[in-house]
PDB file of N, CA and C in Angstrom:
ATOM      1  N   MET A   1       0.824  -1.190   0.000  1.00  0.00           N
ATOM      2  CA  MET A   1       0.000   0.000   0.000  1.00  0.00           C
ATOM      3  C   MET A   1       0.871   1.258   0.000  1.00  0.00           C
ATOM      4  N   VAL A   2       1.972   1.238   0.714  1.00  0.00           N
ATOM      5  CA  VAL A   2       2.842   2.411   0.795  1.00  0.00           C
ATOM      6  C   VAL A   2       3.435   2.778  -0.568  1.00  0.00           C
ATOM      7  N   PRO A   3       3.902   1.799  -1.376  1.00  0.00           N
ATOM      8  CA  PRO A   3       4.424   2.185  -2.699  1.00  0.00           C
ATOM      9  C   PRO A   3       3.378   2.871  -3.575  1.00  0.00           C
ATOM     10  N   LEU A   4       2.132   2.451  -3.467  1.00  0.00           N
ATOM     11  CA  LEU A   4       1.069   3.082  -4.247  1.00  0.00           C
ATOM     12  C   LEU A   4       0.861   4.529  -3.807  1.00  0.00           C
ATOM     13  N   VAL A   5       0.878   4.774  -2.512  1.00  0.00           N
ATOM     14  CA  VAL A   5       0.708   6.135  -1.997  1.00  0.00           C
ATOM     15  C   VAL A   5       1.873   7.010  -2.442  1.00  0.00           C
ATOM     16  N   VAL A   6       3.081   6.479  -2.406  1.00  0.00           N
ATOM     17  CA  VAL A   6       4.251   7.236  -2.854  1.00  0.00           C
ATOM     18  C   VAL A   6       4.147   7.538  -4.344  1.00  0.00           C
ATOM     19  N   PHE A   7       3.735   6.547  -5.123  1.00  0.00           N
ATOM     20  CA  PHE A   7       3.587   6.737  -6.570  1.00  0.00           C
ATOM     21  C   PHE A   7       2.554   7.820  -6.872  1.00  0.00           C
ATOM     22  N   LEU A   8       1.395   7.759  -6.215  1.00  0.00           N
ATOM     23  CA  LEU A   8       0.359   8.769  -6.447  1.00  0.00           C
ATOM     24  C   LEU A   8       0.790  10.152  -5.949  1.00  0.00           C
ATOM     25  N   SER A   9       1.586  10.186  -4.902  1.00  0.00           N
ATOM     26  CA  SER A   9       2.120  11.466  -4.435  1.00  0.00           C
ATOM     27  C   SER A   9       3.070  12.070  -5.456  1.00  0.00           C
ATOM     28  N   VAL A  10       3.875  11.227  -6.084  1.00  0.00           N
ATOM     29  CA  VAL A  10       4.789  11.710  -7.129  1.00  0.00           C
ATOM     30  C   VAL A  10       3.988  12.260  -8.305  1.00  0.00           C
ATOM     31  N   ILE A  11       2.899  11.561  -8.689  1.00  0.00           N
ATOM     32  CA  ILE A  11       2.042  12.056  -9.768  1.00  0.00           C
ATOM     33  C   ILE A  11       1.443  13.405  -9.387  1.00  0.00           C
ATOM     34  N   GLY A  12       1.002  13.549  -8.152  1.00  0.00           N
ATOM     35  CA  GLY A  12       0.465  14.831  -7.684  1.00  0.00           C
ATOM     36  C   GLY A  12       1.514  15.929  -7.715  1.00  0.00           C
ATOM     37  N   LEU A  13       2.732  15.612  -7.335  1.00  0.00           N
ATOM     38  CA  LEU A  13       3.809  16.607  -7.385  1.00  0.00           C
ATOM     39  C   LEU A  13       4.142  16.988  -8.829  1.00  0.00           C
ATOM     40  N   LEU A  14       4.138  16.016  -9.736  1.00  0.00           N
ATOM     41  CA  LEU A  14       4.384  16.325 -11.148  1.00  0.00           C
ATOM     42  C   LEU A  14       3.283  17.227 -11.705  1.00  0.00           C
ATOM     43  N   THR A  15       2.039  16.948 -11.322  1.00  0.00           N
ATOM     44  CA  THR A  15       0.930  17.787 -11.772  1.00  0.00           C
ATOM     45  C   THR A  15       1.075  19.200 -11.217  1.00  0.00           C
ATOM     46  N   SER A  16       1.439  19.313  -9.952  1.00  0.00           N
ATOM     47  CA  SER A  16       1.641  20.632  -9.339  1.00  0.00           C
ATOM     48  C   SER A  16       2.781  21.383 -10.007  1.00  0.00           C
ATOM     49  N   LEU A  17       3.851  20.677 -10.309  1.00  0.00           N
ATOM     50  CA  LEU A  17       4.990  21.301 -10.990  1.00  0.00           C
ATOM     51  C   LEU A  17       4.582  21.778 -12.382  1.00  0.00           C
ATOM     52  N   PHE A  18       3.789  20.974 -13.080  1.00  0.00           N
ATOM     53  CA  PHE A  18       3.305  21.372 -14.404  1.00  0.00           C
ATOM     54  C   PHE A  18       2.493  22.659 -14.302  1.00  0.00           C
ATOM     55  N   TYR A  19       1.599  22.741 -13.309  1.00  0.00           N
ATOM     56  CA  TYR A  19       0.796  23.955 -13.149  1.00  0.00           C
ATOM     57  C   TYR A  19       1.674  25.142 -12.765  1.00  0.00           C
ATOM     58  N   PHE A  20       2.640  24.921 -11.877  1.00  0.00           N
ATOM     59  CA  PHE A  20       3.524  26.003 -11.451  1.00  0.00           C
ATOM     60  C   PHE A  20       4.298  26.580 -12.634  1.00  0.00           C
ATOM     61  N   VAL A  21       4.723  25.721 -13.545  1.00  0.00           N
ATOM     62  CA  VAL A  21       5.496  26.178 -14.703  1.00  0.00           C
ATOM     63  C   VAL A  21       4.589  26.805 -15.760  1.00  0.00           C
ATOM     64  N   SER A  22       3.442  26.157 -16.040  1.00  0.00           N
ATOM     65  CA  SER A  22       2.612  26.624 -17.147  1.00  0.00           C
ATOM     66  C   SER A  22       1.566  27.670 -16.749  1.00  0.00           C
ATOM     67  N   ARG A  23       1.108  27.638 -15.509  1.00  0.00           N
ATOM     68  CA  ARG A  23       0.020  28.517 -15.023  1.00  0.00           C
ATOM     69  C   ARG A  23      -1.228  28.387 -15.888  1.00  0.00           C
ATOM     70  N   ASP A  24      -1.468  27.185 -16.410  1.00  0.00           N
ATOM     71  CA  ASP A  24      -2.608  26.932 -17.277  1.00  0.00           C
ATOM     72  C   ASP A  24      -3.451  25.819 -16.668  1.00  0.00           C
ATOM     73  N   VAL A  25      -4.665  26.163 -16.234  1.00  0.00           N
ATOM     74  CA  VAL A  25      -5.534  25.187 -15.585  1.00  0.00           C
ATOM     75  C   VAL A  25      -5.951  24.099 -16.569  1.00  0.00           C
ATOM     76  N   TYR A  26      -6.334  24.489 -17.784  1.00  0.00           N
ATOM     77  CA  TYR A  26      -6.774  23.501 -18.760  1.00  0.00           C
ATOM     78  C   TYR A  26      -5.637  22.549 -19.131  1.00  0.00           C
ATOM     79  N   GLY A  27      -4.461  23.063 -19.311  1.00  0.00           N
ATOM     80  CA  GLY A  27      -3.315  22.206 -19.616  1.00  0.00           C
ATOM     81  C   GLY A  27      -2.986  21.271 -18.471  1.00  0.00           C
ATOM     82  N   THR A  28      -3.123  21.762 -17.242  1.00  0.00           N
ATOM     83  CA  THR A  28      -2.859  20.932 -16.074  1.00  0.00           C
ATOM     84  C   THR A  28      -3.887  19.810 -15.962  1.00  0.00           C
ATOM     85  N   ILE A  29      -5.147  20.123 -16.248  1.00  0.00           N
ATOM     86  CA  ILE A  29      -6.181  19.086 -16.222  1.00  0.00           C
ATOM     87  C   ILE A  29      -5.886  18.031 -17.279  1.00  0.00           C
ATOM     88  N   ALA A  30      -5.509  18.461 -18.476  1.00  0.00           N
ATOM     89  CA  ALA A  30      -5.179  17.507 -19.540  1.00  0.00           C
ATOM     90  C   ALA A  30      -3.964  16.659 -19.162  1.00  0.00           C
ATOM     91  N   PHE A  31      -2.951  17.282 -18.582  1.00  0.00           N
ATOM     92  CA  PHE A  31      -1.748  16.569 -18.176  1.00  0.00           C
ATOM     93  C   PHE A  31      -2.073  15.521 -17.112  1.00  0.00           C
ATOM     94  N   HIS A  32      -2.833  15.904 -16.094  1.00  0.00           N
ATOM     95  CA  HIS A  32      -3.177  14.994 -15.010  1.00  0.00           C
ATOM     96  C   HIS A  32      -4.051  13.846 -15.520  1.00  0.00           C
ATOM     97  N   ASN A  33      -5.017  14.166 -16.378  1.00  0.00           N
ATOM     98  CA  ASN A  33      -5.879  13.121 -16.923  1.00  0.00           C
ATOM     99  C   ASN A  33      -5.100  12.172 -17.825  1.00  0.00           C
ATOM    100  N   PHE A  34      -4.119  12.695 -18.563  1.00  0.00           N
ATOM    101  CA  PHE A  34      -3.269  11.837 -19.389  1.00  0.00           C
ATOM    102  C   PHE A  34      -2.536  10.823 -18.523  1.00  0.00           C
ATOM    103  N   LEU A  35      -1.958  11.296 -17.419  1.00  0.00           N
ATOM    104  CA  LEU A  35      -1.241  10.372 -16.528  1.00  0.00           C
ATOM    105  C   LEU A  35      -2.197   9.353 -15.919  1.00  0.00           C
ATOM    106  N   GLY A  36      -3.395   9.800 -15.547  1.00  0.00           N
ATOM    107  CA  GLY A  36      -4.378   8.881 -14.971  1.00  0.00           C
ATOM    108  C   GLY A  36      -4.845   7.838 -15.966  1.00  0.00           C
ATOM    109  N   ILE A  37      -5.154   8.258 -17.169  1.00  0.00           N
ATOM    110  CA  ILE A  37      -5.626   7.317 -18.199  1.00  0.00           C
ATOM    111  C   ILE A  37      -4.517   6.343 -18.571  1.00  0.00           C
ATOM    112  N   LEU A  38      -3.294   6.831 -18.649  1.00  0.00           N
ATOM    113  CA  LEU A  38      -2.166   5.955 -18.955  1.00  0.00           C
ATOM    114  C   LEU A  38      -2.041   4.866 -17.882  1.00  0.00           C
ATOM    115  N   GLY A  39      -2.174   5.250 -16.627  1.00  0.00           N
ATOM    116  CA  GLY A  39      -2.096   4.269 -15.535  1.00  0.00           C
ATOM    117  C   GLY A  39      -3.228   3.265 -15.583  1.00  0.00           C
ATOM    118  N   VAL A  40      -4.440   3.731 -15.841  1.00  0.00           N
ATOM    119  CA  VAL A  40      -5.594   2.823 -15.912  1.00  0.00           C
ATOM    120  C   VAL A  40      -5.440   1.853 -17.071  1.00  0.00           C
ATOM    121  N   ILE A  41      -4.981   2.339 -18.218  1.00  0.00           N
ATOM    122  CA  ILE A  41      -4.795   1.455 -19.378  1.00  0.00           C
ATOM    123  C   ILE A  41      -3.738   0.399 -19.088  1.00  0.00           C
ATOM    124  N   ARG A  42      -2.671   0.777 -18.433  1.00  0.00           N
ATOM    125  CA  ARG A  42      -1.621  -0.197 -18.100  1.00  0.00           C
ATOM    126  C   ARG A  42      -2.142  -1.270 -17.149  1.00  0.00           C
ATOM    127  N   VAL A  43      -2.915  -0.870 -16.150  1.00  0.00           N
ATOM    128  CA  VAL A  43      -3.456  -1.849 -15.198  1.00  0.00           C
ATOM    129  C   VAL A  43      -4.469  -2.764 -15.883  1.00  0.00           C
ATOM    130  N   LEU A  44      -5.339  -2.192 -16.721  1.00  0.00           N
ATOM    131  CA  LEU A  44      -6.310  -3.020 -17.439  1.00  0.00           C
ATOM    132  C   LEU A  44      -5.610  -4.001 -18.375  1.00  0.00           C
ATOM    133  N   ASP A  45      -4.541  -3.565 -19.027  1.00  0.00           N
ATOM    134  CA  ASP A  45      -3.797  -4.453 -19.921  1.00  0.00           C
ATOM    135  C   ASP A  45      -3.122  -5.571 -19.133  1.00  0.00           C
ATOM    136  N   ALA A  46      -2.536  -5.229 -17.994  1.00  0.00           N
ATOM    137  CA  ALA A  46      -1.852  -6.239 -17.182  1.00  0.00           C
ATOM    138  C   ALA A  46      -2.831  -7.270 -16.618  1.00  0.00           C
ATOM    139  N   SER A  47      -4.060  -6.846 -16.328  1.00  0.00           N
ATOM    140  CA  SER A  47      -5.048  -7.780 -15.769  1.00  0.00           C
ATOM    141  C   SER A  47      -5.833  -8.522 -16.844  1.00  0.00           C
ATOM    142  N   GLY A  48      -5.642  -8.144 -18.115  1.00  0.00           N
ATOM    143  CA  GLY A  48      -6.341  -8.812 -19.200  1.00  0.00           C
ATOM    144  C   GLY A  48      -7.755  -8.306 -19.429  1.00  0.00           C
ATOM    145  N   ASN A  49      -8.108  -7.192 -18.843  1.00  0.00           N
ATOM    146  CA  ASN A  49      -9.460  -6.650 -18.963  1.00  0.00           C
ATOM    147  C   ASN A  49      -9.573  -5.514 -19.976  1.00  0.00           C
ATOM    148  N   LEU A  50      -8.517  -5.225 -20.696  1.00  0.00           N
ATOM    149  CA  LEU A  50      -8.541  -4.106 -21.643  1.00  0.00           C
ATOM    150  C   LEU A  50      -9.460  -4.381 -22.838  1.00  0.00           C
ATOM    151  N   SER A  51      -9.644  -5.642 -23.183  1.00  0.00           N
ATOM    152  CA  SER A  51     -10.463  -5.973 -24.348  1.00  0.00           C
ATOM    153  C   SER A  51     -11.929  -5.588 -24.166  1.00  0.00           C
ATOM    154  N   SER A  52     -12.397  -5.458 -22.931  1.00  0.00           N
ATOM    155  CA  SER A  52     -13.796  -5.071 -22.715  1.00  0.00           C
ATOM    156  C   SER A  52     -14.044  -3.595 -23.032  1.00  0.00           C
ATOM    157  N   PHE A  53     -12.994  -2.836 -23.272  1.00  0.00           N
ATOM    158  CA  PHE A  53     -13.127  -1.409 -23.588  1.00  0.00           C
ATOM    159  C   PHE A  53     -12.730  -1.098 -25.027  1.00  0.00           C
ATOM    160  N   GLU A  54     -12.868  -2.081 -25.920  1.00  0.00           N
ATOM    161  CA  GLU A  54     -12.495  -1.866 -27.316  1.00  0.00           C
ATOM    162  C   GLU A  54     -13.486  -0.971 -28.041  1.00  0.00           C
ATOM    163  N   ARG A  55     -14.746  -0.983 -27.622  1.00  0.00           N
ATOM    164  CA  ARG A  55     -15.766  -0.128 -28.240  1.00  0.00           C
ATOM    165  C   ARG A  55     -16.002   1.092 -27.359  1.00  0.00           C
ATOM    166  N   PRO A  56     -16.289   2.249 -27.962  1.00  0.00           N
ATOM    167  CA  PRO A  56     -16.565   3.448 -27.169  1.00  0.00           C
ATOM    168  C   PRO A  56     -17.836   3.273 -26.332  1.00  0.00           C
ATOM    169  N   ILE A  57     -17.819   3.820 -25.150  1.00  0.00           N
ATOM    170  CA  ILE A  57     -18.985   3.797 -24.268  1.00  0.00           C
ATOM    171  C   ILE A  57     -19.619   5.183 -24.358  1.00  0.00           C
ATOM    172  N   ILE A  58     -20.720   5.269 -25.084  1.00  0.00           N
ATOM    173  CA  ILE A  58     -21.354   6.550 -25.413  1.00  0.00           C
ATOM    174  C   ILE A  58     -21.720   7.368 -24.167  1.00  0.00           C
ATOM    175  N   PRO A  59     -22.316   6.800 -23.111  1.00  0.00           N
ATOM    176  CA  PRO A  59     -22.633   7.618 -21.936  1.00  0.00           C
ATOM    177  C   PRO A  59     -21.395   8.282 -21.305  1.00  0.00           C
ATOM    178  N   LEU A  60     -20.262   7.599 -21.342  1.00  0.00           N
ATOM    179  CA  LEU A  60     -19.039   8.199 -20.805  1.00  0.00           C
ATOM    180  C   LEU A  60     -18.558   9.364 -21.666  1.00  0.00           C
ATOM    181  N   ILE A  61     -18.678   9.232 -22.970  1.00  0.00           N
ATOM    182  CA  ILE A  61     -18.283  10.312 -23.873  1.00  0.00           C
ATOM    183  C   ILE A  61     -19.199  11.516 -23.674  1.00  0.00           C
ATOM    184  N   VAL A  62     -20.502  11.277 -23.541  1.00  0.00           N
ATOM    185  CA  VAL A  62     -21.444  12.370 -23.299  1.00  0.00           C
ATOM    186  C   VAL A  62     -21.131  13.058 -21.978  1.00  0.00           C
ATOM    187  N   MET A  63     -20.846  12.283 -20.935  1.00  0.00           N
ATOM    188  CA  MET A  63     -20.516  12.861 -19.637  1.00  0.00           C
ATOM    189  C   MET A  63     -19.236  13.705 -19.720  1.00  0.00           C
ATOM    190  N   ALA A  64     -18.248  13.262 -20.481  1.00  0.00           N
ATOM    191  CA  ALA A  64     -17.009  14.023 -20.645  1.00  0.00           C
ATOM    192  C   ALA A  64     -17.272  15.342 -21.362  1.00  0.00           C
ATOM    193  N   VAL A  65     -18.107  15.317 -22.393  1.00  0.00           N
ATOM    194  CA  VAL A  65     -18.433  16.547 -23.132  1.00  0.00           C
ATOM    195  C   VAL A  65     -19.170  17.527 -22.217  1.00  0.00           C
ATOM    196  N   ILE A  66     -20.104  17.027 -21.407  1.00  0.00           N
ATOM    197  CA  ILE A  66     -20.832  17.887 -20.472  1.00  0.00           C
ATOM    198  C   ILE A  66     -19.880  18.486 -19.443  1.00  0.00           C
ATOM    199  N   ALA A  67     -18.950  17.690 -18.933  1.00  0.00           N
ATOM    200  CA  ALA A  67     -17.992  18.193 -17.940  1.00  0.00           C
ATOM    201  C   ALA A  67     -17.111  19.287 -18.530  1.00  0.00           C
ATOM    202  N   ILE A  68     -16.654  19.108 -19.755  1.00  0.00           N
ATOM    203  CA  ILE A  68     -15.827  20.133 -20.403  1.00  0.00           C
ATOM    204  C   ILE A  68     -16.635  21.400 -20.649  1.00  0.00           C
ATOM    205  N   ALA A  69     -17.881  21.236 -21.081  1.00  0.00           N
ATOM    206  CA  ALA A  69     -18.739  22.410 -21.309  1.00  0.00           C
ATOM    207  C   ALA A  69     -18.989  23.167 -20.013  1.00  0.00           C
ATOM    208  N   LEU A  70     -19.212  22.453 -18.917  1.00  0.00           N
ATOM    209  CA  LEU A  70     -19.411  23.119 -17.625  1.00  0.00           C
ATOM    210  C   LEU A  70     -18.144  23.838 -17.160  1.00  0.00           C
ATOM    211  N   LEU A  71     -16.990  23.241 -17.392  1.00  0.00           N
ATOM    212  CA  LEU A  71     -15.728  23.889 -17.027  1.00  0.00           C
ATOM    213  C   LEU A  71     -15.532  25.176 -17.815  1.00  0.00           C
ATOM    214  N   ILE A  72     -15.811  25.133 -19.102  1.00  0.00           N
ATOM    215  CA  ILE A  72     -15.670  26.332 -19.937  1.00  0.00           C
ATOM    216  C   ILE A  72     -16.699  27.386 -19.532  1.00  0.00           C
ATOM    217  N   ALA A  73     -17.930  26.963 -19.250  1.00  0.00           N
ATOM    218  CA  ALA A  73     -18.969  27.913 -18.824  1.00  0.00           C
ATOM    219  C   ALA A  73     -18.589  28.576 -17.503  1.00  0.00           C
ATOM    220  N   ALA A  74     -18.071  27.802 -16.565  1.00  0.00           N
ATOM    221  CA  ALA A  74     -17.636  28.379 -15.296  1.00  0.00           C
ATOM    222  C   ALA A  74     -16.518  29.393 -15.517  1.00  0.00           C
ATOM    223  N   HIS A  75     -15.609  29.064 -16.405  1.00  0.00           N
ATOM    224  CA  HIS A  75     -14.507  29.979 -16.697  1.00  0.00           C
ATOM    225  C   HIS A  75     -15.028  31.280 -17.310  1.00  0.00           C
ATOM    226  N   VAL A  76     -15.922  31.167 -18.266  1.00  0.00           N
ATOM    227  CA  VAL A  76     -16.419  32.344 -18.978  1.00  0.00           C
ATOM    228  C   VAL A  76     -17.293  33.209 -18.082  1.00  0.00           C
ATOM    229  N   PHE A  77     -18.234  32.587 -17.362  1.00  0.00           N
ATOM    230  CA  PHE A  77     -19.223  33.367 -16.624  1.00  0.00           C
ATOM    231  C   PHE A  77     -18.759  33.795 -15.235  1.00  0.00           C
ATOM    232  N   TRP A  78     -17.931  32.990 -14.553  1.00  0.00           N
ATOM    233  CA  TRP A  78     -17.531  33.343 -13.193  1.00  0.00           C
ATOM    234  C   TRP A  78     -16.144  33.960 -13.133  1.00  0.00           C
ATOM    235  N   LEU A  79     -15.187  33.365 -13.791  1.00  0.00           N
ATOM    236  CA  LEU A  79     -13.815  33.854 -13.656  1.00  0.00           C
ATOM    237  C   LEU A  79     -13.558  35.102 -14.487  1.00  0.00           C
ATOM    238  N   ASN A  80     -14.154  35.194 -15.661  1.00  0.00           N
ATOM    239  CA  ASN A  80     -13.952  36.358 -16.511  1.00  0.00           C
ATOM    240  C   ASN A  80     -14.942  37.479 -16.234  1.00  0.00           C
ATOM    241  N   ALA A  81     -15.894  37.261 -15.326  1.00  0.00           N
ATOM    242  CA  ALA A  81     -16.925  38.262 -15.064  1.00  0.00           C
ATOM    243  C   ALA A  81     -16.322  39.538 -14.473  1.00  0.00           C
ATOM    244  N   GLY A  82     -15.301  39.428 -13.650  1.00  0.00           N
ATOM    245  CA  GLY A  82     -14.711  40.601 -13.020  1.00  0.00           C
ATOM    246  C   GLY A  82     -13.513  41.165 -13.760  1.00  0.00           C
ATOM    247  N   ALA A  83     -13.158  40.577 -14.879  1.00  0.00           N
ATOM    248  CA  ALA A  83     -11.986  41.043 -15.617  1.00  0.00           C
ATOM    249  C   ALA A  83     -12.304  42.325 -16.378  1.00  0.00           C
ATOM    250  N   ALA A  84     -11.313  43.153 -16.481  1.00  0.00           N
ATOM    251  CA  ALA A  84     -11.476  44.395 -17.244  1.00  0.00           C
ATOM    252  C   ALA A  84     -11.542  44.063 -18.729  1.00  0.00           C
ATOM    253  N   PRO A  85     -12.387  44.765 -19.471  1.00  0.00           N
ATOM    254  CA  PRO A  85     -12.461  44.488 -20.911  1.00  0.00           C
ATOM    255  C   PRO A  85     -11.164  44.872 -21.615  1.00  0.00           C
ATOM    256  N   THR A  86     -10.872  44.155 -22.656  1.00  0.00           N
ATOM    257  CA  THR A  86      -9.683  44.445 -23.447  1.00  0.00           C
ATOM    258  C   THR A  86      -9.943  45.686 -24.287  1.00  0.00           C
ATOM    259  N   PRO A  87      -9.036  46.655 -24.245  1.00  0.00           N
ATOM    260  CA  PRO A  87      -9.251  47.841 -25.063  1.00  0.00           C
ATOM    261  C   PRO A  87      -9.243  47.492 -26.543  1.00  0.00           C
ATOM    262  N   PRO A  88     -10.018  48.228 -27.350  1.00  0.00           N
ATOM    263  CA  PRO A  88     -10.103  47.895 -28.777  1.00  0.00           C
ATOM    264  C   PRO A  88      -8.759  48.036 -29.481  1.00  0.00           C
ATOM    265  N   ARG A  89      -7.936  48.939 -28.987  1.00  0.00           N
ATOM    266  CA  ARG A  89      -6.645  49.161 -29.634  1.00  0.00           C
ATOM    267  C   ARG A  89      -5.569  49.223 -28.570  1.00  0.00           C
ATOM    268  N   VAL A  90      -4.624  48.321 -28.624  1.00  0.00           N
ATOM    269  CA  VAL A  90      -3.544  48.265 -27.649  1.00  0.00           C
ATOM    270  C   VAL A  90      -2.313  48.879 -28.282  1.00  0.00           C
ATOM    271  N   ARG A  91      -1.688  49.810 -27.574  1.00  0.00           N
ATOM    272  CA  ARG A  91      -0.488  50.469 -28.143  1.00  0.00           C
ATOM    273  C   ARG A  91       0.750  49.791 -27.684  1.00  0.00           C
TER     274      ARG A  91
END
């Protein structure tokens, strides 16, 4: 159990380092999800259960699209609501 906790802590530190360097929330989410999906695929392959995921699962794809749309909506309506408008002409 301890090696798993250490491994996941390292993944968390890598994700934090990525955010610290890039300062991009969307990129950090993509980076973290890439590492997570890579780990899940490796475990499924090692256990022989990867073949059950050969076809796309439509409800999961729909849920992912909804989650991305909600993230973008939150960014547009809540985070950008207090931002100053960009001047039409920047010198």
